């Protein structure tokens, strides 16, 4: 691997073997970087060296079901209790009391739950694209099905084995489809007819590649890293996170919807899945909140605009914690 992306340390956390990639001094402020779907710790390859060089102790795990970390078979082993427990288990294994947690996409959903479920282990939270989403009044899958229909990717992911098989059939194509930049802007997306805004991403994968918006985000070496990994692991581990939306909702009724640590919200102007508008009113739940908007940026913020992401992270971390 390149000097910027180290070999992992293998640890035992929350009953599973976990691969953790590290950078920076051992006595620095601990910062844990949590990836989304379909990603890996490798998605933070631009942040690990930058934050490490800035004096922080950076830890980026391949999370449960991903990369070199264990992939339990049961769907319920991927619920929020397990996913947050993995991160506190990581701290235990590394001899760390508290950390700042940074989460992109699904990683963001997990890290915003940490101060609700494990408040004594959290110094601060950063959401990259993913805002704090308070517990909805109805089962979220029921809500998504009503709003977007059966083809919406999260609803489709509920069917055992279906999306897993489609994505694994041609991993290279799947990553060329997902990992794109300079695609549809937020303004262009708003003007599309409703039936084209149902987030039927798995169906869109089958369309002619020449019609895919934007351009490939990854260089050949980066694409190979993702493709080689997913050819080995498949997609089921990551998709199982989605299959716990209803279970997580049922099990979280007792949690106070309030984040009592400093928060940073990094928003991407042209992310049509996690739009900046979704962060409106977040201060009600995260009273100590700062916001940064990255312009002309789609969903893969830390890979698309690494310098601006690093600047936002390092600036906030230094201002608030050192």
C-alpha atoms as a PDB file:
ATOM      1  CA  UNK A   1       0.000   0.000   0.000  1.00  0.00           C
ATOM      2  CA  UNK A   2       1.029   3.621  -0.473  1.00  0.00           C
ATOM      3  CA  UNK A   3       2.751   5.569   2.292  1.00  0.00           C
ATOM      4  CA  UNK A   4      -0.414   7.647   2.698  1.00  0.00           C
ATOM      5  CA  UNK A   5      -2.490   4.557   3.453  1.00  0.00           C
ATOM      6  CA  UNK A   6      -0.909   2.217   5.983  1.00  0.00           C
ATOM      7  CA  UNK A   7      -1.363  -1.489   6.654  1.00  0.00           C
ATOM      8  CA  UNK A   8      -4.044  -2.086   9.308  1.00  0.00           C
ATOM      9  CA  UNK A   9      -3.674  -3.052  12.931  1.00  0.00           C
ATOM     10  CA  UNK A  10      -5.953  -6.013  13.698  1.00  0.00           C
ATOM     11  CA  UNK A  11      -7.801  -5.693  17.001  1.00  0.00           C
ATOM     12  CA  UNK A  12     -10.556  -7.537  18.862  1.00  0.00           C
ATOM     13  CA  UNK A  13     -13.511  -5.184  19.436  1.00  0.00           C
ATOM     14  CA  UNK A  14     -17.037  -6.015  20.621  1.00  0.00           C
ATOM     15  CA  UNK A  15     -16.469  -9.708  19.898  1.00  0.00           C
ATOM     16  CA  UNK A  16     -15.242  -9.342  16.286  1.00  0.00           C
ATOM     17  CA  UNK A  17     -11.883  -8.957  14.544  1.00  0.00           C
ATOM     18  CA  UNK A  18     -11.539  -5.409  13.240  1.00  0.00           C
ATOM     19  CA  UNK A  19      -9.008  -3.805  10.886  1.00  0.00           C
ATOM     20  CA  UNK A  20      -7.981  -0.303  11.982  1.00  0.00           C
ATOM     21  CA  UNK A  21      -5.785   2.062   9.963  1.00  0.00           C
ATOM     22  CA  UNK A  22      -3.807   4.583  12.028  1.00  0.00           C
ATOM     23  CA  UNK A  23      -1.915   7.831  11.647  1.00  0.00           C
ATOM     24  CA  UNK A  24      -0.472  10.523  13.916  1.00  0.00           C
ATOM     25  CA  UNK A  25       1.067  10.572  17.393  1.00  0.00           C
ATOM     26  CA  UNK A  26      -0.238   8.172  20.056  1.00  0.00           C
ATOM     27  CA  UNK A  27      -0.666  11.070  22.499  1.00  0.00           C
ATOM     28  CA  UNK A  28      -2.720  13.184  20.091  1.00  0.00           C
ATOM     29  CA  UNK A  29      -6.443  13.851  20.423  1.00  0.00           C
ATOM     30  CA  UNK A  30      -8.130  10.619  19.233  1.00  0.00           C
ATOM     31  CA  UNK A  31     -10.243  11.067  16.084  1.00  0.00           C
ATOM     32  CA  UNK A  32     -12.155   8.076  14.682  1.00  0.00           C
ATOM     33  CA  UNK A  33     -13.187   8.196  11.001  1.00  0.00           C
ATOM     34  CA  UNK A  34     -16.268   6.114  10.105  1.00  0.00           C
ATOM     35  CA  UNK A  35     -17.055   5.331   6.461  1.00  0.00           C
ATOM     36  CA  UNK A  36     -20.372   4.720   4.680  1.00  0.00           C
ATOM     37  CA  UNK A  37     -21.695   2.421   1.926  1.00  0.00           C
ATOM     38  CA  UNK A  38     -20.239   1.054  -0.288  1.00  0.00           C
ATOM     39  CA  UNK A  39     -16.992   2.272   1.170  1.00  0.00           C
ATOM     40  CA  UNK A  40     -14.042   1.260   3.331  1.00  0.00           C
ATOM     41  CA  UNK A  41     -11.573   2.853   5.721  1.00  0.00           C
ATOM     42  CA  UNK A  42      -9.698   3.532   2.447  1.00  0.00           C
ATOM     43  CA  UNK A  43     -12.294   6.236   1.724  1.00  0.00           C
ATOM     44  CA  UNK A  44     -10.404   8.319   4.332  1.00  0.00           C
ATOM     45  CA  UNK A  45      -7.026   7.926   2.552  1.00  0.00           C
ATOM     46  CA  UNK A  46      -6.742  11.725   2.139  1.00  0.00           C
ATOM     47  CA  UNK A  47      -7.697  12.473   5.750  1.00  0.00           C
ATOM     48  CA  UNK A  48      -5.494   9.947   7.598  1.00  0.00           C
ATOM     49  CA  UNK A  49      -2.146  11.601   6.737  1.00  0.00           C
ATOM     50  CA  UNK A  50      -3.485  15.179   6.885  1.00  0.00           C
ATOM     51  CA  UNK A  51      -5.022  14.817  10.359  1.00  0.00           C
ATOM     52  CA  UNK A  52      -2.072  12.747  11.566  1.00  0.00           C
ATOM     53  CA  UNK A  53       0.370  15.437  10.420  1.00  0.00           C
ATOM     54  CA  UNK A  54      -1.761  18.029  12.227  1.00  0.00           C
ATOM     55  CA  UNK A  55      -1.060  16.191  15.504  1.00  0.00           C
ATOM     56  CA  UNK A  56      -4.204  14.089  15.928  1.00  0.00           C
ATOM     57  CA  UNK A  57      -4.288  10.360  16.658  1.00  0.00           C
ATOM     58  CA  UNK A  58      -6.393   9.171  13.733  1.00  0.00           C
ATOM     59  CA  UNK A  59      -8.103   5.767  13.601  1.00  0.00           C
ATOM     60  CA  UNK A  60     -10.114   4.626  10.568  1.00  0.00           C
ATOM     61  CA  UNK A  61     -11.727   1.188  10.911  1.00  0.00           C
ATOM     62  CA  UNK A  62     -13.082  -1.053   8.211  1.00  0.00           C
ATOM     63  CA  UNK A  63     -16.436  -1.322   9.934  1.00  0.00           C
ATOM     64  CA  UNK A  64     -18.455  -4.466  10.670  1.00  0.00           C
ATOM     65  CA  UNK A  65     -19.179  -6.306   7.407  1.00  0.00           C
ATOM     66  CA  UNK A  66     -16.557  -4.405   5.401  1.00  0.00           C
ATOM     67  CA  UNK A  67     -13.020  -4.938   4.125  1.00  0.00           C
ATOM     68  CA  UNK A  68     -10.711  -6.836   6.442  1.00  0.00           C
ATOM     69  CA  UNK A  69     -13.112  -6.661   9.403  1.00  0.00           C
ATOM     70  CA  UNK A  70     -15.346  -9.625  10.307  1.00  0.00           C
ATOM     71  CA  UNK A  71     -18.659 -10.176   8.505  1.00  0.00           C
ATOM     72  CA  UNK A  72     -21.125 -11.904  10.854  1.00  0.00           C
ATOM     73  CA  UNK A  73     -23.905 -13.818   9.105  1.00  0.00           C
ATOM     74  CA  UNK A  74     -27.006 -12.734  11.065  1.00  0.00           C
ATOM     75  CA  UNK A  75     -28.774  -9.588   9.861  1.00  0.00           C
ATOM     76  CA  UNK A  76     -29.511  -8.506  13.439  1.00  0.00           C
ATOM     77  CA  UNK A  77     -25.754  -8.454  14.174  1.00  0.00           C
ATOM     78  CA  UNK A  78     -25.642  -5.201  12.173  1.00  0.00           C
ATOM     79  CA  UNK A  79     -28.063  -3.150  14.262  1.00  0.00           C
ATOM     80  CA  UNK A  80     -27.182   0.156  15.928  1.00  0.00           C
ATOM     81  CA  UNK A  81     -26.363  -1.529  19.256  1.00  0.00           C
ATOM     82  CA  UNK A  82     -23.646  -3.580  17.516  1.00  0.00           C
ATOM     83  CA  UNK A  83     -22.383  -0.736  15.298  1.00  0.00           C
ATOM     84  CA  UNK A  84     -21.963   1.750  18.151  1.00  0.00           C
ATOM     85  CA  UNK A  85     -20.601  -1.038  20.373  1.00  0.00           C
ATOM     86  CA  UNK A  86     -17.899  -1.729  17.780  1.00  0.00           C
ATOM     87  CA  UNK A  87     -16.674   1.859  18.088  1.00  0.00           C
ATOM     88  CA  UNK A  88     -16.572   1.863  21.895  1.00  0.00           C
ATOM     89  CA  UNK A  89     -14.884  -1.565  21.625  1.00  0.00           C
ATOM     90  CA  UNK A  90     -12.277   0.010  19.349  1.00  0.00           C
ATOM     91  CA  UNK A  91     -11.588   2.647  22.027  1.00  0.00           C
ATOM     92  CA  UNK A  92     -11.271  -0.088  24.672  1.00  0.00           C
ATOM     93  CA  UNK A  93      -8.835  -2.080  22.519  1.00  0.00           C
ATOM     94  CA  UNK A  94      -6.710   1.032  21.910  1.00  0.00           C
ATOM     95  CA  UNK A  95      -6.763   2.162  25.544  1.00  0.00           C
ATOM     96  CA  UNK A  96      -8.692   5.360  24.726  1.00  0.00           C
ATOM     97  CA  UNK A  97     -11.247   6.925  27.069  1.00  0.00           C
ATOM     98  CA  UNK A  98     -13.004   9.377  24.710  1.00  0.00           C
ATOM     99  CA  UNK A  99     -12.680  10.388  21.063  1.00  0.00           C
ATOM    100  CA  UNK A 100     -14.080  12.713  18.450  1.00  0.00           C
ATOM    101  CA  UNK A 101     -16.033  10.659  15.892  1.00  0.00           C
ATOM    102  CA  UNK A 102     -16.370  11.645  12.248  1.00  0.00           C
ATOM    103  CA  UNK A 103     -18.935   9.853  10.070  1.00  0.00           C
ATOM    104  CA  UNK A 104     -19.785  10.019   6.383  1.00  0.00           C
ATOM    105  CA  UNK A 105     -22.987   8.555   4.906  1.00  0.00           C
ATOM    106  CA  UNK A 106     -23.959   5.502   7.059  1.00  0.00           C
ATOM    107  CA  UNK A 107     -20.976   6.234   9.287  1.00  0.00           C
ATOM    108  CA  UNK A 108     -22.685   9.527  10.070  1.00  0.00           C
ATOM    109  CA  UNK A 109     -25.876   7.793  11.242  1.00  0.00           C
ATOM    110  CA  UNK A 110     -23.778   5.656  13.572  1.00  0.00           C
ATOM    111  CA  UNK A 111     -21.657   8.452  15.045  1.00  0.00           C
ATOM    112  CA  UNK A 112     -24.673  10.702  15.721  1.00  0.00           C
ATOM    113  CA  UNK A 113     -26.108   7.802  17.765  1.00  0.00           C
ATOM    114  CA  UNK A 114     -22.957   7.467  19.876  1.00  0.00           C
ATOM    115  CA  UNK A 115     -23.632  10.449  22.193  1.00  0.00           C
ATOM    116  CA  UNK A 116     -27.186   9.140  22.700  1.00  0.00           C
ATOM    117  CA  UNK A 117     -26.105   5.556  23.485  1.00  0.00           C
ATOM    118  CA  UNK A 118     -22.551   5.983  24.872  1.00  0.00           C
ATOM    119  CA  UNK A 119     -22.288   9.626  26.004  1.00  0.00           C
ATOM    120  CA  UNK A 120     -19.301   8.970  28.280  1.00  0.00           C
ATOM    121  CA  UNK A 121     -17.081   7.947  25.323  1.00  0.00           C
ATOM    122  CA  UNK A 122     -17.622  10.960  23.056  1.00  0.00           C
ATOM    123  CA  UNK A 123     -15.798  14.298  22.928  1.00  0.00           C
ATOM    124  CA  UNK A 124     -17.403  15.598  19.745  1.00  0.00           C
ATOM    125  CA  UNK A 125     -19.183  14.528  16.548  1.00  0.00           C
ATOM    126  CA  UNK A 126     -18.709  15.485  12.902  1.00  0.00           C
ATOM    127  CA  UNK A 127     -21.321  14.589  10.299  1.00  0.00           C
ATOM    128  CA  UNK A 128     -19.997  14.584   6.735  1.00  0.00           C
ATOM    129  CA  UNK A 129     -23.122  14.968   4.550  1.00  0.00           C
ATOM    130  CA  UNK A 130     -25.171  13.029   7.144  1.00  0.00           C
ATOM    131  CA  UNK A 131     -27.051  15.283   9.575  1.00  0.00           C
ATOM    132  CA  UNK A 132     -28.439  14.308  12.956  1.00  0.00           C
ATOM    133  CA  UNK A 133     -31.815  12.801  12.060  1.00  0.00           C
ATOM    134  CA  UNK A 134     -34.198  12.666  15.038  1.00  0.00           C
ATOM    135  CA  UNK A 135     -36.214   9.486  15.522  1.00  0.00           C
ATOM    136  CA  UNK A 136     -39.191   9.658  13.120  1.00  0.00           C
ATOM    137  CA  UNK A 137     -42.793   9.116  14.279  1.00  0.00           C
ATOM    138  CA  UNK A 138     -43.189   6.035  12.033  1.00  0.00           C
ATOM    139  CA  UNK A 139     -41.013   3.112  10.948  1.00  0.00           C
ATOM    140  CA  UNK A 140     -38.535   4.715   8.488  1.00  0.00           C
ATOM    141  CA  UNK A 141     -38.850   1.899   5.912  1.00  0.00           C
ATOM    142  CA  UNK A 142     -42.613   2.386   5.890  1.00  0.00           C
ATOM    143  CA  UNK A 143     -42.047   6.108   5.363  1.00  0.00           C
ATOM    144  CA  UNK A 144     -39.523   5.611   2.551  1.00  0.00           C
ATOM    145  CA  UNK A 145     -41.760   3.071   0.821  1.00  0.00           C
ATOM    146  CA  UNK A 146     -44.684   5.518   0.945  1.00  0.00           C
ATOM    147  CA  UNK A 147     -42.581   8.451  -0.300  1.00  0.00           C
ATOM    148  CA  UNK A 148     -40.458   6.764  -2.991  1.00  0.00           C
ATOM    149  CA  UNK A 149     -41.917   3.332  -3.794  1.00  0.00           C
ATOM    150  CA  UNK A 150     -40.483  -0.186  -3.955  1.00  0.00           C
ATOM    151  CA  UNK A 151     -37.549   0.675  -6.271  1.00  0.00           C
ATOM    152  CA  UNK A 152     -35.982   3.217  -3.905  1.00  0.00           C
ATOM    153  CA  UNK A 153     -32.616   1.648  -3.080  1.00  0.00           C
ATOM    154  CA  UNK A 154     -33.076   1.449   0.727  1.00  0.00           C
ATOM    155  CA  UNK A 155     -36.509  -0.183   0.313  1.00  0.00           C
ATOM    156  CA  UNK A 156     -35.081  -2.567  -2.299  1.00  0.00           C
ATOM    157  CA  UNK A 157     -32.203  -3.427   0.078  1.00  0.00           C
ATOM    158  CA  UNK A 158     -34.768  -4.950   2.483  1.00  0.00           C
ATOM    159  CA  UNK A 159     -35.287  -7.939   0.135  1.00  0.00           C
ATOM    160  CA  UNK A 160     -32.858 -10.720   1.167  1.00  0.00           C
ATOM    161  CA  UNK A 161     -30.082 -11.311  -1.350  1.00  0.00           C
ATOM    162  CA  UNK A 162     -31.528  -9.315  -4.269  1.00  0.00           C
ATOM    163  CA  UNK A 163     -29.368  -6.167  -4.365  1.00  0.00           C
ATOM    164  CA  UNK A 164     -26.391  -8.137  -2.989  1.00  0.00           C
ATOM    165  CA  UNK A 165     -26.445 -10.375  -6.064  1.00  0.00           C
ATOM    166  CA  UNK A 166     -26.956  -7.550  -8.583  1.00  0.00           C
ATOM    167  CA  UNK A 167     -24.018  -5.522  -7.225  1.00  0.00           C
ATOM    168  CA  UNK A 168     -21.683  -8.521  -6.863  1.00  0.00           C
ATOM    169  CA  UNK A 169     -22.355  -9.671 -10.430  1.00  0.00           C
ATOM    170  CA  UNK A 170     -20.069  -6.942 -11.847  1.00  0.00           C
ATOM    171  CA  UNK A 171     -18.200  -5.213  -9.007  1.00  0.00           C
ATOM    172  CA  UNK A 172     -16.126  -3.061 -11.356  1.00  0.00           C
ATOM    173  CA  UNK A 173     -19.279  -1.715 -13.026  1.00  0.00           C
ATOM    174  CA  UNK A 174     -20.948  -1.107  -9.650  1.00  0.00           C
ATOM    175  CA  UNK A 175     -18.054   1.084  -8.498  1.00  0.00           C
ATOM    176  CA  UNK A 176     -17.831   2.927 -11.808  1.00  0.00           C
ATOM    177  CA  UNK A 177     -21.536   3.696 -11.339  1.00  0.00           C
ATOM    178  CA  UNK A 178     -21.508   4.690  -7.661  1.00  0.00           C
ATOM    179  CA  UNK A 179     -18.210   6.553  -7.361  1.00  0.00           C
ATOM    180  CA  UNK A 180     -18.801   9.536  -9.630  1.00  0.00           C
ATOM    181  CA  UNK A 181     -18.285  13.297  -9.363  1.00  0.00           C
ATOM    182  CA  UNK A 182     -19.502  16.406 -11.217  1.00  0.00           C
ATOM    183  CA  UNK A 183     -22.819  14.693 -11.892  1.00  0.00           C
ATOM    184  CA  UNK A 184     -26.313  16.131 -11.482  1.00  0.00           C
ATOM    185  CA  UNK A 185     -26.314  19.364  -9.453  1.00  0.00           C
ATOM    186  CA  UNK A 186     -28.901  19.984  -6.740  1.00  0.00           C
ATOM    187  CA  UNK A 187     -30.607  22.560  -8.970  1.00  0.00           C
ATOM    188  CA  UNK A 188     -30.765  20.160 -11.920  1.00  0.00           C
ATOM    189  CA  UNK A 189     -32.073  17.376  -9.682  1.00  0.00           C
ATOM    190  CA  UNK A 190     -34.937  19.564  -8.409  1.00  0.00           C
ATOM    191  CA  UNK A 191     -36.115  20.067 -12.005  1.00  0.00           C
ATOM    192  CA  UNK A 192     -36.323  16.328 -12.796  1.00  0.00           C
ATOM    193  CA  UNK A 193     -39.801  14.762 -12.929  1.00  0.00           C
ATOM    194  CA  UNK A 194     -40.862  13.042  -9.689  1.00  0.00           C
ATOM    195  CA  UNK A 195     -40.487   9.513 -11.133  1.00  0.00           C
ATOM    196  CA  UNK A 196     -36.801  10.236 -11.785  1.00  0.00           C
ATOM    197  CA  UNK A 197     -36.270  11.330  -8.186  1.00  0.00           C
ATOM    198  CA  UNK A 198     -37.204   8.007  -6.553  1.00  0.00           C
ATOM    199  CA  UNK A 199     -33.540   7.072  -5.847  1.00  0.00           C
ATOM    200  CA  UNK A 200     -33.860   3.783  -7.743  1.00  0.00           C
ATOM    201  CA  UNK A 201     -30.073   3.478  -7.802  1.00  0.00           C
ATOM    202  CA  UNK A 202     -29.877  -0.295  -8.293  1.00  0.00           C
ATOM    203  CA  UNK A 203     -32.160  -0.051 -11.334  1.00  0.00           C
ATOM    204  CA  UNK A 204     -30.116   2.870 -12.707  1.00  0.00           C
ATOM    205  CA  UNK A 205     -27.016   0.660 -12.569  1.00  0.00           C
ATOM    206  CA  UNK A 206     -28.503  -1.373 -15.444  1.00  0.00           C
ATOM    207  CA  UNK A 207     -28.755   1.654 -17.779  1.00  0.00           C
ATOM    208  CA  UNK A 208     -26.229   2.360 -20.556  1.00  0.00           C
ATOM    209  CA  UNK A 209     -22.957   3.546 -19.013  1.00  0.00           C
ATOM    210  CA  UNK A 210     -22.712   6.379 -21.563  1.00  0.00           C
ATOM    211  CA  UNK A 211     -25.861   7.873 -19.957  1.00  0.00           C
ATOM    212  CA  UNK A 212     -24.451   7.962 -16.405  1.00  0.00           C
ATOM    213  CA  UNK A 213     -24.039  11.575 -15.245  1.00  0.00           C
ATOM    214  CA  UNK A 214     -20.667  13.008 -14.289  1.00  0.00           C
ATOM    215  CA  UNK A 215     -17.286  11.295 -14.421  1.00  0.00           C
ATOM    216  CA  UNK A 216     -15.487   8.593 -12.467  1.00  0.00           C
ATOM    217  CA  UNK A 217     -14.156   9.900  -9.168  1.00  0.00           C
ATOM    218  CA  UNK A 218     -11.430   7.273  -8.690  1.00  0.00           C
ATOM    219  CA  UNK A 219      -8.108   6.845 -10.468  1.00  0.00           C
ATOM    220  CA  UNK A 220      -7.277   3.281 -11.682  1.00  0.00           C
ATOM    221  CA  UNK A 221      -5.311   2.401  -8.513  1.00  0.00           C
ATOM    222  CA  UNK A 222      -8.136   3.586  -6.233  1.00  0.00           C
ATOM    223  CA  UNK A 223     -10.815   1.814  -8.280  1.00  0.00           C
ATOM    224  CA  UNK A 224      -8.783  -1.409  -8.135  1.00  0.00           C
ATOM    225  CA  UNK A 225      -8.535  -1.177  -4.331  1.00  0.00           C
ATOM    226  CA  UNK A 226     -12.320  -0.992  -3.917  1.00  0.00           C
ATOM    227  CA  UNK A 227     -13.079  -3.569  -6.610  1.00  0.00           C
ATOM    228  CA  UNK A 228     -10.531  -6.135  -5.369  1.00  0.00           C
ATOM    229  CA  UNK A 229     -11.850  -5.784  -1.813  1.00  0.00           C
ATOM    230  CA  UNK A 230     -15.527  -6.137  -2.735  1.00  0.00           C
ATOM    231  CA  UNK A 231     -14.858  -9.070  -5.060  1.00  0.00           C
ATOM    232  CA  UNK A 232     -13.537 -10.825  -1.973  1.00  0.00           C
ATOM    233  CA  UNK A 233     -16.167  -9.678   0.551  1.00  0.00           C
ATOM    234  CA  UNK A 234     -19.337  -9.087  -1.463  1.00  0.00           C
ATOM    235  CA  UNK A 235     -21.829  -6.382  -0.491  1.00  0.00           C
ATOM    236  CA  UNK A 236     -24.051  -8.234   2.001  1.00  0.00           C
ATOM    237  CA  UNK A 237     -22.288  -6.974   5.163  1.00  0.00           C
ATOM    238  CA  UNK A 238     -22.836  -3.343   4.215  1.00  0.00           C
ATOM    239  CA  UNK A 239     -26.385  -3.902   2.969  1.00  0.00           C
ATOM    240  CA  UNK A 240     -27.249  -5.597   6.272  1.00  0.00           C
ATOM    241  CA  UNK A 241     -26.849  -2.195   7.964  1.00  0.00           C
ATOM    242  CA  UNK A 242     -29.869  -1.045   5.914  1.00  0.00           C
ATOM    243  CA  UNK A 243     -31.836  -4.147   6.901  1.00  0.00           C
ATOM    244  CA  UNK A 244     -31.854  -2.914  10.509  1.00  0.00           C
ATOM    245  CA  UNK A 245     -33.614   0.433   9.958  1.00  0.00           C
ATOM    246  CA  UNK A 246     -36.896  -0.890  11.380  1.00  0.00           C
ATOM    247  CA  UNK A 247     -35.190  -2.750  14.243  1.00  0.00           C
ATOM    248  CA  UNK A 248     -33.153   0.350  15.172  1.00  0.00           C
ATOM    249  CA  UNK A 249     -36.320   2.452  15.140  1.00  0.00           C
ATOM    250  CA  UNK A 250     -38.199   0.010  17.398  1.00  0.00           C
ATOM    251  CA  UNK A 251     -35.288  -0.151  19.861  1.00  0.00           C
ATOM    252  CA  UNK A 252     -34.580   3.583  20.164  1.00  0.00           C
ATOM    253  CA  UNK A 253     -37.820   4.956  21.618  1.00  0.00           C
ATOM    254  CA  UNK A 254     -36.211   5.478  25.025  1.00  0.00           C
ATOM    255  CA  UNK A 255     -33.298   7.602  23.769  1.00  0.00           C
ATOM    256  CA  UNK A 256     -33.355  11.355  24.363  1.00  0.00           C
ATOM    257  CA  UNK A 257     -32.857  13.019  20.972  1.00  0.00           C
ATOM    258  CA  UNK A 258     -30.185  15.453  22.142  1.00  0.00           C
ATOM    259  CA  UNK A 259     -26.455  15.599  21.371  1.00  0.00           C
ATOM    260  CA  UNK A 260     -24.698  17.238  24.311  1.00  0.00           C
ATOM    261  CA  UNK A 261     -21.196  17.503  22.830  1.00  0.00           C
ATOM    262  CA  UNK A 262     -19.800  19.928  20.215  1.00  0.00           C
ATOM    263  CA  UNK A 263     -20.900  19.102  16.680  1.00  0.00           C
ATOM    264  CA  UNK A 264     -19.717  20.013  13.194  1.00  0.00           C
ATOM    265  CA  UNK A 265     -21.895  19.534  10.094  1.00  0.00           C
ATOM    266  CA  UNK A 266     -19.988  19.396   6.791  1.00  0.00           C
ATOM    267  CA  UNK A 267     -22.537  19.684   3.982  1.00  0.00           C
ATOM    268  CA  UNK A 268     -22.075  19.030   0.264  1.00  0.00           C
ATOM    269  CA  UNK A 269     -23.985  21.397  -2.012  1.00  0.00           C
ATOM    270  CA  UNK A 270     -24.831  18.834  -4.709  1.00  0.00           C
ATOM    271  CA  UNK A 271     -25.453  15.669  -2.682  1.00  0.00           C
ATOM    272  CA  UNK A 272     -28.955  14.706  -3.823  1.00  0.00           C
ATOM    273  CA  UNK A 273     -29.232  11.788  -1.353  1.00  0.00           C
ATOM    274  CA  UNK A 274     -28.097  13.699   1.758  1.00  0.00           C
ATOM    275  CA  UNK A 275     -28.907  17.285   0.830  1.00  0.00           C
ATOM    276  CA  UNK A 276     -27.840  20.290   2.950  1.00  0.00           C
ATOM    277  CA  UNK A 277     -31.560  21.022   3.496  1.00  0.00           C
ATOM    278  CA  UNK A 278     -31.766  17.858   5.613  1.00  0.00           C
ATOM    279  CA  UNK A 279     -29.630  19.655   8.221  1.00  0.00           C
ATOM    280  CA  UNK A 280     -32.159  22.493   8.633  1.00  0.00           C
ATOM    281  CA  UNK A 281     -33.148  22.854  12.276  1.00  0.00           C
ATOM    282  CA  UNK A 282     -30.358  20.605  13.551  1.00  0.00           C
ATOM    283  CA  UNK A 283     -29.496  23.058  16.344  1.00  0.00           C
ATOM    284  CA  UNK A 284     -32.668  21.932  18.116  1.00  0.00           C
ATOM    285  CA  UNK A 285     -30.995  18.542  18.673  1.00  0.00           C
ATOM    286  CA  UNK A 286     -27.308  19.571  18.539  1.00  0.00           C
ATOM    287  CA  UNK A 287     -27.214  22.930  20.362  1.00  0.00           C
ATOM    288  CA  UNK A 288     -23.426  23.403  20.036  1.00  0.00           C
ATOM    289  CA  UNK A 289     -23.199  23.145  16.245  1.00  0.00           C
ATOM    290  CA  UNK A 290     -21.018  24.661  13.551  1.00  0.00           C
ATOM    291  CA  UNK A 291     -21.693  24.222   9.818  1.00  0.00           C
ATOM    292  CA  UNK A 292     -19.529  24.214   6.699  1.00  0.00           C
ATOM    293  CA  UNK A 293     -20.910  24.038   3.148  1.00  0.00           C
ATOM    294  CA  UNK A 294     -18.638  22.647   0.424  1.00  0.00           C
ATOM    295  CA  UNK A 295     -19.728  24.019  -2.939  1.00  0.00           C
ATOM    296  CA  UNK A 296     -19.911  22.016  -6.194  1.00  0.00           C
ATOM    297  CA  UNK A 297     -19.525  18.786  -4.240  1.00  0.00           C
ATOM    298  CA  UNK A 298     -21.548  15.582  -4.562  1.00  0.00           C
ATOM    299  CA  UNK A 299     -21.945  12.651  -2.198  1.00  0.00           C
ATOM    300  CA  UNK A 300     -18.332  11.458  -1.769  1.00  0.00           C
ATOM    301  CA  UNK A 301     -17.166  14.619  -0.009  1.00  0.00           C
ATOM    302  CA  UNK A 302     -13.932  13.487   1.644  1.00  0.00           C
ATOM    303  CA  UNK A 303     -12.789  11.882  -1.630  1.00  0.00           C
ATOM    304  CA  UNK A 304     -14.127  14.572  -4.007  1.00  0.00           C
ATOM    305  CA  UNK A 305     -12.941  17.631  -2.068  1.00  0.00           C
ATOM    306  CA  UNK A 306     -10.266  16.293   0.309  1.00  0.00           C
ATOM    307  CA  UNK A 307      -8.468  19.612   0.888  1.00  0.00           C
ATOM    308  CA  UNK A 308     -11.648  21.459   1.879  1.00  0.00           C
ATOM    309  CA  UNK A 309     -12.783  18.532   4.041  1.00  0.00           C
ATOM    310  CA  UNK A 310      -9.405  18.427   5.804  1.00  0.00           C
ATOM    311  CA  UNK A 311      -9.390  22.180   6.320  1.00  0.00           C
ATOM    312  CA  UNK A 312     -12.868  22.075   7.882  1.00  0.00           C
ATOM    313  CA  UNK A 313     -11.982  19.140  10.140  1.00  0.00           C
ATOM    314  CA  UNK A 314      -8.576  20.390  11.288  1.00  0.00           C
ATOM    315  CA  UNK A 315      -9.827  23.943  11.846  1.00  0.00           C
ATOM    316  CA  UNK A 316     -12.743  22.823  13.982  1.00  0.00           C
ATOM    317  CA  UNK A 317     -10.742  20.207  15.939  1.00  0.00           C
ATOM    318  CA  UNK A 318      -7.999  22.725  16.797  1.00  0.00           C
ATOM    319  CA  UNK A 319     -10.493  25.424  17.703  1.00  0.00           C
ATOM    320  CA  UNK A 320     -12.618  23.222  19.933  1.00  0.00           C
ATOM    321  CA  UNK A 321     -10.269  20.652  21.469  1.00  0.00           C
ATOM    322  CA  UNK A 322      -6.647  21.846  21.625  1.00  0.00           C
END
